Amino acid sequence: MEDCFFVLDLKFGIQTNGIKHTYKDPMPDVETRFRMVKESGVFDYVDKTPEISEVKDFKKYSQKYGLPVRAGGWFYEIGNHRDLLKNNFEIARELGSSIHNTQILYTKSNGQLATDLDIKDTYIEAYELGSKYGVTPCFEIHVNMWSEDFLRVSRVGKLVENEGVEFNITLDHSHVIFKINNPQEQKKYNIDKQINSGKLVLDPFSEDNIVKEWINFGWVKHCHARSVIPNNPLNIYAKHPDGTIGRGIQYPFQKPKNNEYHEKWDVKLLEPWKECIKTLMKYHLQDKTSKLRQISTEFIPNTDYGEGCRYSLFEQGVECTKWMRKTWKKIKEKF
């Protein structure tokens, strides 16, 4: 059993956009971010595809502080994706990253909707290209992307597997959990109708929920951990260029101090989000074919997330990771 733990044990990292405190604080330089991560004592690696101008520093300080850049990521528009993918895979190889979190927009460069076949073909193209660089693309569950229409994920996964190619995803279940009991969000992609018909189940405590389906298919190779709650509060501190308020896909994991958050904070509301992490960990431990090797916290300062926040993004990531480590330890002890 110890050998099994050695092979299947998990690493915990942090996406580097979250290595800062409040929104108003400037982003620390590369060395400072690596030093903060190292001094926290809870992270095994960092997660980032840096700009070309930053690659040298990322490589230097990764080595200095003993923190590998295990994963990175970017978003892509089908039709304009191949050269960007190639460039990012080259960066990944130089930094020693084995995972590339891949977001695919729901429309193509010609303005048309990206169909299931388009996504399947792009996935296989990315998978074959990545294999030349020793990098695995993991298509992410994410709003504003093709995968926000959750039922499409399993359809595309099966199409990919029918071609004899393994399907890998990044599970960011915050994008699922915040839609629970959220009428406004459920209108997108007719999710409300899918729920009412019984085709889609969001509740992670229900046996046939969509997150558990993806996990049980064995597709989760990478995971982003950013806590949310059902019907998550909108981010009233931020607006998109069209004037709409931030969708609210981030909820403090640790209780904020007075005046650091605009809504009453309740730890019990985090249970659905936590349940998905527990489900993923249990699957990883029990199924020897599990491809998961790491989980990255991702508390970020973007409009739909933490723009305008007064709490520390970095401290939230630290506390979330402490909880995940304790949870992982307890689950291993039970088995």
C-alpha atoms as a PDB file:
ATOM      1  CA  MET A   1       0.000   0.000   0.000  1.00  0.00           C
ATOM      2  CA  GLU A   2       2.897   2.372   0.742  1.00  0.00           C
ATOM      3  CA  ASP A   3       4.197   1.868  -2.793  1.00  0.00           C
ATOM      4  CA  CYS A   4       0.722   2.739  -4.090  1.00  0.00           C
ATOM      5  CA  PHE A   5       0.734   5.948  -2.047  1.00  0.00           C
ATOM      6  CA  PHE A   6       4.157   6.838  -3.420  1.00  0.00           C
ATOM      7  CA  VAL A   7       2.974   6.464  -6.989  1.00  0.00           C
ATOM      8  CA  LEU A   8      -0.435   8.051  -6.521  1.00  0.00           C
ATOM      9  CA  ASP A   9       0.385  10.726  -3.965  1.00  0.00           C
ATOM     10  CA  LEU A  10      -0.664  14.268  -4.783  1.00  0.00           C
ATOM     11  CA  LYS A  11       1.306  17.468  -5.177  1.00  0.00           C
ATOM     12  CA  PHE A  12      -0.271  20.801  -4.287  1.00  0.00           C
ATOM     13  CA  GLY A  13       0.605  24.023  -6.078  1.00  0.00           C
ATOM     14  CA  ILE A  14      -0.530  27.563  -6.734  1.00  0.00           C
ATOM     15  CA  GLN A  15      -1.357  29.460  -9.905  1.00  0.00           C
ATOM     16  CA  THR A  16       0.985  32.442  -9.833  1.00  0.00           C
ATOM     17  CA  ASN A  17      -1.670  35.095 -10.568  1.00  0.00           C
ATOM     18  CA  GLY A  18      -2.839  34.413  -7.016  1.00  0.00           C
ATOM     19  CA  ILE A  19       0.524  35.114  -5.414  1.00  0.00           C
ATOM     20  CA  LYS A  20      -0.431  38.571  -4.202  1.00  0.00           C
ATOM     21  CA  HIS A  21      -2.546  39.964  -1.421  1.00  0.00           C
ATOM     22  CA  THR A  22      -5.368  42.440  -2.089  1.00  0.00           C
ATOM     23  CA  TYR A  23      -6.445  43.498  -5.550  1.00  0.00           C
ATOM     24  CA  LYS A  24      -4.878  46.936  -5.098  1.00  0.00           C
ATOM     25  CA  ASP A  25      -1.492  45.486  -4.235  1.00  0.00           C
ATOM     26  CA  PRO A  26       0.891  45.349  -7.206  1.00  0.00           C
ATOM     27  CA  MET A  27       1.864  41.948  -8.543  1.00  0.00           C
ATOM     28  CA  PRO A  28       5.178  41.027  -6.897  1.00  0.00           C
ATOM     29  CA  ASP A  29       8.166  40.388  -9.133  1.00  0.00           C
ATOM     30  CA  VAL A  30       8.965  36.817 -10.108  1.00  0.00           C
ATOM     31  CA  GLU A  31      11.532  36.168  -7.384  1.00  0.00           C
ATOM     32  CA  THR A  32       9.270  37.573  -4.669  1.00  0.00           C
ATOM     33  CA  ARG A  33       6.447  35.291  -5.772  1.00  0.00           C
ATOM     34  CA  PHE A  34       8.667  32.221  -5.668  1.00  0.00           C
ATOM     35  CA  ARG A  35       9.991  33.273  -2.271  1.00  0.00           C
ATOM     36  CA  MET A  36       6.468  33.775  -0.894  1.00  0.00           C
ATOM     37  CA  VAL A  37       5.471  30.321  -2.076  1.00  0.00           C
ATOM     38  CA  LYS A  38       8.573  28.715  -0.589  1.00  0.00           C
ATOM     39  CA  GLU A  39       8.248  30.483   2.757  1.00  0.00           C
ATOM     40  CA  SER A  40       4.598  29.458   3.100  1.00  0.00           C
ATOM     41  CA  GLY A  41       5.760  25.860   3.427  1.00  0.00           C
ATOM     42  CA  VAL A  42       2.577  24.357   1.950  1.00  0.00           C
ATOM     43  CA  PHE A  43       3.143  24.286  -1.812  1.00  0.00           C
ATOM     44  CA  ASP A  44       5.095  21.805  -3.932  1.00  0.00           C
ATOM     45  CA  TYR A  45       5.132  23.749  -7.201  1.00  0.00           C
ATOM     46  CA  VAL A  46       3.835  26.752  -9.133  1.00  0.00           C
ATOM     47  CA  ASP A  47       1.427  26.773 -12.072  1.00  0.00           C
ATOM     48  CA  LYS A  48       1.985  29.272 -14.892  1.00  0.00           C
ATOM     49  CA  THR A  49       2.749  29.764 -18.560  1.00  0.00           C
ATOM     50  CA  PRO A  50       4.749  32.993 -18.301  1.00  0.00           C
ATOM     51  CA  GLU A  51       5.257  35.566 -20.990  1.00  0.00           C
ATOM     52  CA  ILE A  52       8.350  35.015 -23.132  1.00  0.00           C
ATOM     53  CA  SER A  53      10.064  37.897 -21.336  1.00  0.00           C
ATOM     54  CA  GLU A  54       9.583  36.147 -17.977  1.00  0.00           C
ATOM     55  CA  VAL A  55      10.703  32.631 -18.901  1.00  0.00           C
ATOM     56  CA  LYS A  56      14.332  33.221 -17.934  1.00  0.00           C
ATOM     57  CA  ASP A  57      13.351  34.469 -14.469  1.00  0.00           C
ATOM     58  CA  PHE A  58      10.833  31.669 -13.930  1.00  0.00           C
ATOM     59  CA  LYS A  59      13.489  29.114 -14.772  1.00  0.00           C
ATOM     60  CA  LYS A  60      16.082  30.818 -12.555  1.00  0.00           C
ATOM     61  CA  TYR A  61      13.915  31.165  -9.464  1.00  0.00           C
ATOM     62  CA  SER A  62      12.243  27.810  -9.910  1.00  0.00           C
ATOM     63  CA  GLN A  63      15.695  26.289  -9.519  1.00  0.00           C
ATOM     64  CA  LYS A  64      16.773  28.657  -6.735  1.00  0.00           C
ATOM     65  CA  TYR A  65      13.750  27.932  -4.549  1.00  0.00           C
ATOM     66  CA  GLY A  66      13.273  24.293  -5.507  1.00  0.00           C
ATOM     67  CA  LEU A  67       9.766  24.857  -6.854  1.00  0.00           C
ATOM     68  CA  PRO A  68       9.085  23.239 -10.224  1.00  0.00           C
ATOM     69  CA  VAL A  69       6.693  24.796 -12.714  1.00  0.00           C
ATOM     70  CA  ARG A  70       4.681  21.593 -13.081  1.00  0.00           C
ATOM     71  CA  ALA A  71       1.836  23.105 -15.100  1.00  0.00           C
ATOM     72  CA  GLY A  72       0.772  26.138 -17.071  1.00  0.00           C
ATOM     73  CA  GLY A  73      -2.164  27.238 -19.159  1.00  0.00           C
ATOM     74  CA  TRP A  74      -3.701  29.547 -21.749  1.00  0.00           C
ATOM     75  CA  PHE A  75      -6.952  30.148 -23.636  1.00  0.00           C
ATOM     76  CA  TYR A  76      -7.435  29.603 -27.353  1.00  0.00           C
ATOM     77  CA  GLU A  77      -9.769  30.400 -30.218  1.00  0.00           C
ATOM     78  CA  ILE A  78     -10.159  27.646 -32.782  1.00  0.00           C
ATOM     79  CA  GLY A  79      -8.790  28.923 -36.073  1.00  0.00           C
ATOM     80  CA  ASN A  80      -6.038  30.945 -34.421  1.00  0.00           C
ATOM     81  CA  HIS A  81      -4.819  28.327 -32.002  1.00  0.00           C
ATOM     82  CA  ARG A  82      -2.037  26.218 -33.477  1.00  0.00           C
ATOM     83  CA  ASP A  83       0.892  28.665 -33.435  1.00  0.00           C
ATOM     84  CA  LEU A  84      -0.008  29.828 -29.933  1.00  0.00           C
ATOM     85  CA  LEU A  85      -0.253  26.228 -28.727  1.00  0.00           C
ATOM     86  CA  LYS A  86       3.146  25.456 -30.235  1.00  0.00           C
ATOM     87  CA  ASN A  87       4.735  28.489 -28.578  1.00  0.00           C
ATOM     88  CA  ASN A  88       3.240  27.614 -25.198  1.00  0.00           C
ATOM     89  CA  PHE A  89       4.305  23.979 -25.477  1.00  0.00           C
ATOM     90  CA  GLU A  90       7.838  25.186 -26.194  1.00  0.00           C
ATOM     91  CA  ILE A  91       7.730  27.298 -23.025  1.00  0.00           C
ATOM     92  CA  ALA A  92       6.364  24.348 -21.072  1.00  0.00           C
ATOM     93  CA  ARG A  93       9.174  22.099 -22.260  1.00  0.00           C
ATOM     94  CA  GLU A  94      11.806  24.688 -21.359  1.00  0.00           C
ATOM     95  CA  LEU A  95      10.373  25.056 -17.848  1.00  0.00           C
ATOM     96  CA  GLY A  96       9.816  21.327 -17.355  1.00  0.00           C
ATOM     97  CA  SER A  97       6.012  21.571 -17.246  1.00  0.00           C
ATOM     98  CA  SER A  98       4.146  18.376 -18.108  1.00  0.00           C
ATOM     99  CA  ILE A  99       0.581  19.767 -18.027  1.00  0.00           C
ATOM    100  CA  HIS A 100      -0.945  22.542 -20.124  1.00  0.00           C
ATOM    101  CA  ASN A 101      -4.348  23.696 -18.917  1.00  0.00           C
ATOM    102  CA  THR A 102      -6.233  24.451 -22.119  1.00  0.00           C
ATOM    103  CA  GLN A 103      -9.283  26.705 -22.389  1.00  0.00           C
ATOM    104  CA  ILE A 104     -11.139  26.680 -25.706  1.00  0.00           C
ATOM    105  CA  LEU A 105     -13.540  29.529 -26.452  1.00  0.00           C
ATOM    106  CA  TYR A 106     -17.080  28.544 -27.423  1.00  0.00           C
ATOM    107  CA  THR A 107     -16.851  30.393 -30.744  1.00  0.00           C
ATOM    108  CA  LYS A 108     -14.257  30.019 -33.491  1.00  0.00           C
ATOM    109  CA  SER A 109     -12.269  32.762 -35.203  1.00  0.00           C
ATOM    110  CA  ASN A 110     -14.922  32.904 -37.952  1.00  0.00           C
ATOM    111  CA  GLY A 111     -17.609  33.699 -35.380  1.00  0.00           C
ATOM    112  CA  GLN A 112     -19.319  30.326 -35.627  1.00  0.00           C
ATOM    113  CA  LEU A 113     -20.053  28.101 -32.654  1.00  0.00           C
ATOM    114  CA  ALA A 114     -17.376  25.492 -32.003  1.00  0.00           C
ATOM    115  CA  THR A 115     -19.177  22.179 -32.483  1.00  0.00           C
ATOM    116  CA  ASP A 116     -18.460  18.954 -30.616  1.00  0.00           C
ATOM    117  CA  LEU A 117     -16.553  17.717 -33.660  1.00  0.00           C
ATOM    118  CA  ASP A 118     -14.524  20.941 -33.754  1.00  0.00           C
ATOM    119  CA  ILE A 119     -13.568  20.476 -30.104  1.00  0.00           C
ATOM    120  CA  LYS A 120     -12.753  16.802 -30.669  1.00  0.00           C
ATOM    121  CA  ASP A 121     -10.519  17.579 -33.640  1.00  0.00           C
ATOM    122  CA  THR A 122      -8.780  20.426 -31.800  1.00  0.00           C
ATOM    123  CA  TYR A 123      -8.213  18.235 -28.763  1.00  0.00           C
ATOM    124  CA  ILE A 124      -6.591  15.481 -30.831  1.00  0.00           C
ATOM    125  CA  GLU A 125      -4.494  18.060 -32.675  1.00  0.00           C
ATOM    126  CA  ALA A 126      -3.321  19.540 -29.354  1.00  0.00           C
ATOM    127  CA  TYR A 127      -2.704  16.085 -27.880  1.00  0.00           C
ATOM    128  CA  GLU A 128      -0.553  14.994 -30.811  1.00  0.00           C
ATOM    129  CA  LEU A 129       1.339  18.293 -30.859  1.00  0.00           C
ATOM    130  CA  GLY A 130       1.879  18.199 -27.112  1.00  0.00           C
ATOM    131  CA  SER A 131       3.303  14.681 -27.284  1.00  0.00           C
ATOM    132  CA  LYS A 132       6.207  16.068 -29.313  1.00  0.00           C
ATOM    133  CA  TYR A 133       7.072  18.370 -26.410  1.00  0.00           C
ATOM    134  CA  GLY A 134       6.338  16.017 -23.527  1.00  0.00           C
ATOM    135  CA  VAL A 135       3.318  18.111 -22.547  1.00  0.00           C
ATOM    136  CA  THR A 136      -0.266  16.926 -22.021  1.00  0.00           C
ATOM    137  CA  PRO A 137      -3.077  19.385 -22.838  1.00  0.00           C
ATOM    138  CA  CYS A 138      -5.966  19.197 -20.368  1.00  0.00           C
ATOM    139  CA  PHE A 139      -9.161  20.850 -21.605  1.00  0.00           C
ATOM    140  CA  GLU A 140     -10.624  22.855 -18.736  1.00  0.00           C
ATOM    141  CA  ILE A 141     -14.144  23.038 -17.347  1.00  0.00           C
ATOM    142  CA  HIS A 142     -14.611  26.801 -17.495  1.00  0.00           C
ATOM    143  CA  VAL A 143     -17.165  29.562 -18.062  1.00  0.00           C
ATOM    144  CA  ASN A 144     -17.117  31.407 -21.388  1.00  0.00           C
ATOM    145  CA  MET A 145     -15.669  28.277 -22.979  1.00  0.00           C
ATOM    146  CA  TRP A 146     -17.275  25.379 -24.854  1.00  0.00           C
ATOM    147  CA  SER A 147     -17.300  23.369 -21.622  1.00  0.00           C
ATOM    148  CA  GLU A 148     -19.667  25.755 -19.817  1.00  0.00           C
ATOM    149  CA  ASP A 149     -22.376  23.713 -21.530  1.00  0.00           C
ATOM    150  CA  PHE A 150     -21.514  20.864 -19.173  1.00  0.00           C
ATOM    151  CA  LEU A 151     -23.239  18.021 -21.004  1.00  0.00           C
ATOM    152  CA  ARG A 152     -20.946  18.594 -23.977  1.00  0.00           C
ATOM    153  CA  VAL A 153     -17.905  17.484 -21.999  1.00  0.00           C
ATOM    154  CA  SER A 154     -18.865  13.817 -21.854  1.00  0.00           C
ATOM    155  CA  ARG A 155     -19.987  13.855 -25.478  1.00  0.00           C
ATOM    156  CA  VAL A 156     -16.642  15.230 -26.620  1.00  0.00           C
ATOM    157  CA  GLY A 157     -14.742  12.909 -24.298  1.00  0.00           C
ATOM    158  CA  LYS A 158     -16.405   9.887 -25.859  1.00  0.00           C
ATOM    159  CA  LEU A 159     -15.740  11.201 -29.370  1.00  0.00           C
ATOM    160  CA  VAL A 160     -12.055  11.558 -28.521  1.00  0.00           C
ATOM    161  CA  GLU A 161     -11.852   8.089 -26.991  1.00  0.00           C
ATOM    162  CA  ASN A 162     -13.594   6.621 -30.032  1.00  0.00           C
ATOM    163  CA  GLU A 163     -10.588   7.865 -32.014  1.00  0.00           C
ATOM    164  CA  GLY A 164      -8.290   5.850 -29.741  1.00  0.00           C
ATOM    165  CA  VAL A 165      -6.948   8.908 -27.908  1.00  0.00           C
ATOM    166  CA  GLU A 166      -7.093   9.417 -24.152  1.00  0.00           C
ATOM    167  CA  PHE A 167      -9.182  12.376 -22.997  1.00  0.00           C
ATOM    168  CA  ASN A 168      -7.771  14.616 -20.270  1.00  0.00           C
ATOM    169  CA  ILE A 169      -9.447  17.522 -18.511  1.00  0.00           C
ATOM    170  CA  THR A 170      -8.693  20.118 -15.895  1.00  0.00           C
ATOM    171  CA  LEU A 171     -11.457  19.975 -13.321  1.00  0.00           C
ATOM    172  CA  ASP A 172     -12.347  23.411 -11.998  1.00  0.00           C
ATOM    173  CA  HIS A 173     -15.616  22.597 -10.303  1.00  0.00           C
ATOM    174  CA  SER A 174     -16.087  26.160  -9.065  1.00  0.00           C
ATOM    175  CA  HIS A 175     -17.641  26.765 -12.487  1.00  0.00           C
ATOM    176  CA  VAL A 176     -20.236  24.097 -11.695  1.00  0.00           C
ATOM    177  CA  ILE A 177     -20.931  24.722  -8.012  1.00  0.00           C
ATOM    178  CA  PHE A 178     -21.620  28.465  -8.330  1.00  0.00           C
ATOM    179  CA  LYS A 179     -24.507  27.683 -10.691  1.00  0.00           C
ATOM    180  CA  ILE A 180     -26.387  25.608  -8.086  1.00  0.00           C
ATOM    181  CA  ASN A 181     -29.598  27.439  -7.052  1.00  0.00           C
ATOM    182  CA  ASN A 182     -28.520  30.270  -9.349  1.00  0.00           C
ATOM    183  CA  PRO A 183     -31.400  31.062 -11.772  1.00  0.00           C
ATOM    184  CA  GLN A 184     -29.485  33.723 -13.691  1.00  0.00           C
ATOM    185  CA  GLU A 185     -26.520  31.463 -14.355  1.00  0.00           C
ATOM    186  CA  GLN A 186     -28.678  28.460 -15.182  1.00  0.00           C
ATOM    187  CA  LYS A 187     -30.259  30.326 -18.090  1.00  0.00           C
ATOM    188  CA  LYS A 188     -26.966  30.113 -19.956  1.00  0.00           C
ATOM    189  CA  TYR A 189     -26.920  27.183 -22.411  1.00  0.00           C
ATOM    190  CA  ASN A 190     -30.401  26.181 -21.157  1.00  0.00           C
ATOM    191  CA  ILE A 191     -28.853  24.555 -18.119  1.00  0.00           C
ATOM    192  CA  ASP A 192     -32.129  25.126 -16.253  1.00  0.00           C
ATOM    193  CA  LYS A 193     -33.983  22.980 -18.801  1.00  0.00           C
ATOM    194  CA  GLN A 194     -31.291  20.292 -18.598  1.00  0.00           C
ATOM    195  CA  ILE A 195     -31.667  20.242 -14.812  1.00  0.00           C
ATOM    196  CA  ASN A 196     -35.473  20.138 -14.927  1.00  0.00           C
ATOM    197  CA  SER A 197     -35.391  17.239 -17.385  1.00  0.00           C
ATOM    198  CA  GLY A 198     -33.015  15.290 -15.156  1.00  0.00           C
ATOM    199  CA  LYS A 199     -30.273  15.197 -17.786  1.00  0.00           C
ATOM    200  CA  LEU A 200     -27.946  17.366 -15.704  1.00  0.00           C
ATOM    201  CA  VAL A 201     -27.323  17.104 -11.956  1.00  0.00           C
ATOM    202  CA  LEU A 202     -25.150  19.753 -10.323  1.00  0.00           C
ATOM    203  CA  ASP A 203     -25.560  18.763  -6.664  1.00  0.00           C
ATOM    204  CA  PRO A 204     -22.313  16.971  -5.682  1.00  0.00           C
ATOM    205  CA  PHE A 205     -24.142  15.045  -2.949  1.00  0.00           C
ATOM    206  CA  SER A 206     -26.337  13.346  -5.570  1.00  0.00           C
ATOM    207  CA  GLU A 207     -24.957  10.065  -6.858  1.00  0.00           C
ATOM    208  CA  ASP A 208     -25.321  10.899 -10.552  1.00  0.00           C
ATOM    209  CA  ASN A 209     -23.890  14.436 -10.461  1.00  0.00           C
ATOM    210  CA  ILE A 210     -21.918  15.734 -13.430  1.00  0.00           C
ATOM    211  CA  VAL A 211     -18.624  16.305 -11.598  1.00  0.00           C
ATOM    212  CA  LYS A 212     -18.589  12.740 -10.315  1.00  0.00           C
ATOM    213  CA  GLU A 213     -19.341  11.522 -13.839  1.00  0.00           C
ATOM    214  CA  TRP A 214     -16.223  13.220 -15.201  1.00  0.00           C
ATOM    215  CA  ILE A 215     -14.151  11.902 -12.308  1.00  0.00           C
ATOM    216  CA  ASN A 216     -15.391   8.334 -12.732  1.00  0.00           C
ATOM    217  CA  PHE A 217     -14.615   8.405 -16.442  1.00  0.00           C
ATOM    218  CA  GLY A 218     -10.984   8.856 -15.389  1.00  0.00           C
ATOM    219  CA  TRP A 219     -10.537  12.092 -17.305  1.00  0.00           C
ATOM    220  CA  VAL A 220      -9.250  14.403 -14.543  1.00  0.00           C
ATOM    221  CA  LYS A 221      -5.491  14.778 -14.958  1.00  0.00           C
ATOM    222  CA  HIS A 222      -5.247  18.281 -13.473  1.00  0.00           C
ATOM    223  CA  CYS A 223      -7.385  20.253 -11.032  1.00  0.00           C
ATOM    224  CA  HIS A 224      -7.830  23.913 -10.129  1.00  0.00           C
ATOM    225  CA  ALA A 225      -9.033  24.614  -6.598  1.00  0.00           C
ATOM    226  CA  ARG A 226     -10.862  27.896  -6.045  1.00  0.00           C
ATOM    227  CA  SER A 227     -13.693  27.816  -3.549  1.00  0.00           C
ATOM    228  CA  VAL A 228     -17.218  28.971  -4.326  1.00  0.00           C
ATOM    229  CA  ILE A 229     -20.673  28.424  -2.861  1.00  0.00           C
ATOM    230  CA  PRO A 230     -24.037  27.673  -4.498  1.00  0.00           C
ATOM    231  CA  ASN A 231     -25.568  30.851  -5.928  1.00  0.00           C
ATOM    232  CA  ASN A 232     -22.267  32.577  -5.231  1.00  0.00           C
ATOM    233  CA  PRO A 233     -22.527  36.334  -4.609  1.00  0.00           C
ATOM    234  CA  LEU A 234     -21.770  38.507  -7.617  1.00  0.00           C
ATOM    235  CA  ASN A 235     -18.475  40.365  -7.524  1.00  0.00           C
ATOM    236  CA  ILE A 236     -19.973  43.815  -7.024  1.00  0.00           C
ATOM    237  CA  TYR A 237     -16.546  45.440  -6.989  1.00  0.00           C
ATOM    238  CA  ALA A 238     -15.893  44.760 -10.666  1.00  0.00           C
ATOM    239  CA  LYS A 239     -17.551  45.306 -14.033  1.00  0.00           C
ATOM    240  CA  HIS A 240     -16.904  44.045 -17.530  1.00  0.00           C
ATOM    241  CA  PRO A 241     -16.459  46.545 -20.396  1.00  0.00           C
ATOM    242  CA  ASP A 242     -20.170  46.165 -21.229  1.00  0.00           C
ATOM    243  CA  GLY A 243     -21.104  47.255 -17.710  1.00  0.00           C
ATOM    244  CA  THR A 244     -22.168  43.852 -16.377  1.00  0.00           C
ATOM    245  CA  ILE A 245     -21.090  42.970 -12.852  1.00  0.00           C
ATOM    246  CA  GLY A 246     -18.545  40.211 -12.216  1.00  0.00           C
ATOM    247  CA  ARG A 247     -20.277  36.827 -12.263  1.00  0.00           C
ATOM    248  CA  GLY A 248     -18.932  35.822  -8.859  1.00  0.00           C
ATOM    249  CA  ILE A 249     -16.899  32.617  -9.144  1.00  0.00           C
ATOM    250  CA  GLN A 250     -14.800  33.005  -6.012  1.00  0.00           C
ATOM    251  CA  TYR A 251     -15.672  32.817  -2.320  1.00  0.00           C
ATOM    252  CA  PRO A 252     -13.117  33.188   0.467  1.00  0.00           C
ATOM    253  CA  PHE A 253     -12.044  29.821   1.839  1.00  0.00           C
ATOM    254  CA  GLN A 254     -10.978  31.324   5.141  1.00  0.00           C
ATOM    255  CA  LYS A 255     -13.208  33.750   7.024  1.00  0.00           C
ATOM    256  CA  PRO A 256     -12.358  37.280   5.884  1.00  0.00           C
ATOM    257  CA  LYS A 257     -11.658  39.983   8.411  1.00  0.00           C
ATOM    258  CA  ASN A 258     -14.161  42.792   8.956  1.00  0.00           C
ATOM    259  CA  ASN A 259     -14.905  44.739   5.761  1.00  0.00           C
ATOM    260  CA  GLU A 260     -12.815  42.384   3.598  1.00  0.00           C
ATOM    261  CA  TYR A 261     -15.847  40.790   1.909  1.00  0.00           C
ATOM    262  CA  HIS A 262     -19.151  42.293   0.831  1.00  0.00           C
ATOM    263  CA  GLU A 263     -21.380  39.419   1.986  1.00  0.00           C
ATOM    264  CA  LYS A 264     -21.837  37.529   5.235  1.00  0.00           C
ATOM    265  CA  TRP A 265     -19.381  34.621   5.231  1.00  0.00           C
ATOM    266  CA  ASP A 266     -20.545  31.142   6.248  1.00  0.00           C
ATOM    267  CA  VAL A 267     -18.138  28.196   6.305  1.00  0.00           C
ATOM    268  CA  LYS A 268     -20.989  25.668   5.983  1.00  0.00           C
ATOM    269  CA  LEU A 269     -21.790  26.959   2.514  1.00  0.00           C
ATOM    270  CA  LEU A 270     -18.433  25.657   1.285  1.00  0.00           C
ATOM    271  CA  GLU A 271     -19.440  22.016   1.784  1.00  0.00           C
ATOM    272  CA  PRO A 272     -20.619  21.350  -1.815  1.00  0.00           C
ATOM    273  CA  TRP A 273     -17.320  22.655  -3.198  1.00  0.00           C
ATOM    274  CA  LYS A 274     -15.343  20.638  -0.649  1.00  0.00           C
ATOM    275  CA  GLU A 275     -17.323  17.503  -1.480  1.00  0.00           C
ATOM    276  CA  CYS A 276     -16.030  17.559  -5.051  1.00  0.00           C
ATOM    277  CA  ILE A 277     -12.430  17.687  -3.815  1.00  0.00           C
ATOM    278  CA  LYS A 278     -13.131  14.743  -1.505  1.00  0.00           C
ATOM    279  CA  THR A 279     -14.765  12.778  -4.328  1.00  0.00           C
ATOM    280  CA  LEU A 280     -11.764  13.399  -6.565  1.00  0.00           C
ATOM    281  CA  MET A 281      -9.296  12.372  -3.860  1.00  0.00           C
ATOM    282  CA  LYS A 282     -11.204   9.178  -3.039  1.00  0.00           C
ATOM    283  CA  TYR A 283     -11.319   8.206  -6.688  1.00  0.00           C
ATOM    284  CA  HIS A 284      -7.618   8.920  -7.062  1.00  0.00           C
ATOM    285  CA  LEU A 285      -6.769   6.693  -4.122  1.00  0.00           C
ATOM    286  CA  GLN A 286      -9.078   3.820  -5.036  1.00  0.00           C
ATOM    287  CA  ASP A 287      -8.547   3.632  -8.797  1.00  0.00           C
ATOM    288  CA  LYS A 288      -5.015   2.671  -9.824  1.00  0.00           C
ATOM    289  CA  THR A 289      -5.649   4.060 -13.313  1.00  0.00           C
ATOM    290  CA  SER A 290      -6.150   7.603 -11.973  1.00  0.00           C
ATOM    291  CA  LYS A 291      -4.136  10.141 -13.970  1.00  0.00           C
ATOM    292  CA  LEU A 292      -4.344  12.929 -11.399  1.00  0.00           C
ATOM    293  CA  ARG A 293      -1.001  13.998  -9.957  1.00  0.00           C
ATOM    294  CA  GLN A 294      -1.494  17.558  -8.718  1.00  0.00           C
ATOM    295  CA  ILE A 295      -4.016  20.207  -7.646  1.00  0.00           C
ATOM    296  CA  SER A 296      -3.367  23.944  -8.073  1.00  0.00           C
ATOM    297  CA  THR A 297      -5.100  26.590  -5.999  1.00  0.00           C
ATOM    298  CA  GLU A 298      -6.326  29.487  -8.109  1.00  0.00           C
ATOM    299  CA  PHE A 299      -7.631  32.460  -6.141  1.00  0.00           C
ATOM    300  CA  ILE A 300      -7.279  35.193  -8.742  1.00  0.00           C
ATOM    301  CA  PRO A 301      -7.896  38.953  -9.168  1.00  0.00           C
ATOM    302  CA  ASN A 302      -9.916  38.851 -12.416  1.00  0.00           C
ATOM    303  CA  THR A 303     -13.327  40.486 -12.935  1.00  0.00           C
ATOM    304  CA  ASP A 304     -15.519  37.428 -12.351  1.00  0.00           C
ATOM    305  CA  TYR A 305     -13.389  36.357  -9.416  1.00  0.00           C
ATOM    306  CA  GLY A 306     -11.444  38.628  -7.061  1.00  0.00           C
ATOM    307  CA  GLU A 307     -11.127  42.004  -8.750  1.00  0.00           C
ATOM    308  CA  GLY A 308     -11.467  44.660  -6.072  1.00  0.00           C
ATOM    309  CA  CYS A 309     -11.010  42.138  -3.260  1.00  0.00           C
ATOM    310  CA  ARG A 310      -9.805  43.328   0.135  1.00  0.00           C
ATOM    311  CA  TYR A 311      -8.834  39.908   1.432  1.00  0.00           C
ATOM    312  CA  SER A 312      -5.484  38.310   0.615  1.00  0.00           C
ATOM    313  CA  LEU A 313      -5.632  36.080  -2.441  1.00  0.00           C
ATOM    314  CA  PHE A 314      -2.393  34.410  -1.386  1.00  0.00           C
ATOM    315  CA  GLU A 315      -3.535  33.698   2.162  1.00  0.00           C
ATOM    316  CA  GLN A 316      -6.747  32.164   0.822  1.00  0.00           C
ATOM    317  CA  GLY A 317      -4.663  29.864  -1.357  1.00  0.00           C
ATOM    318  CA  VAL A 318      -2.477  28.905   1.590  1.00  0.00           C
ATOM    319  CA  GLU A 319      -5.443  28.067   3.841  1.00  0.00           C
ATOM    320  CA  CYS A 320      -7.214  26.144   1.091  1.00  0.00           C
ATOM    321  CA  THR A 321      -4.082  24.082   0.515  1.00  0.00           C
ATOM    322  CA  LYS A 322      -3.683  23.362   4.224  1.00  0.00           C
ATOM    323  CA  TRP A 323      -7.235  22.016   4.222  1.00  0.00           C
ATOM    324  CA  MET A 324      -6.617  19.906   1.111  1.00  0.00           C
ATOM    325  CA  ARG A 325      -3.471  18.401   2.624  1.00  0.00           C
ATOM    326  CA  LYS A 326      -5.315  17.519   5.843  1.00  0.00           C
ATOM    327  CA  THR A 327      -8.225  16.088   3.873  1.00  0.00           C
ATOM    328  CA  TRP A 328      -5.926  14.013   1.678  1.00  0.00           C
ATOM    329  CA  LYS A 329      -4.136  12.676   4.762  1.00  0.00           C
ATOM    330  CA  LYS A 330      -7.428  11.675   6.417  1.00  0.00           C
ATOM    331  CA  ILE A 331      -8.672   9.937   3.282  1.00  0.00           C
ATOM    332  CA  LYS A 332      -5.434   7.966   2.948  1.00  0.00           C
ATOM    333  CA  GLU A 333      -5.616   6.923   6.603  1.00  0.00           C
ATOM    334  CA  LYS A 334      -9.154   5.573   6.133  1.00  0.00           C
ATOM    335  CA  PHE A 335      -8.054   3.435   3.219  1.00  0.00           C
END
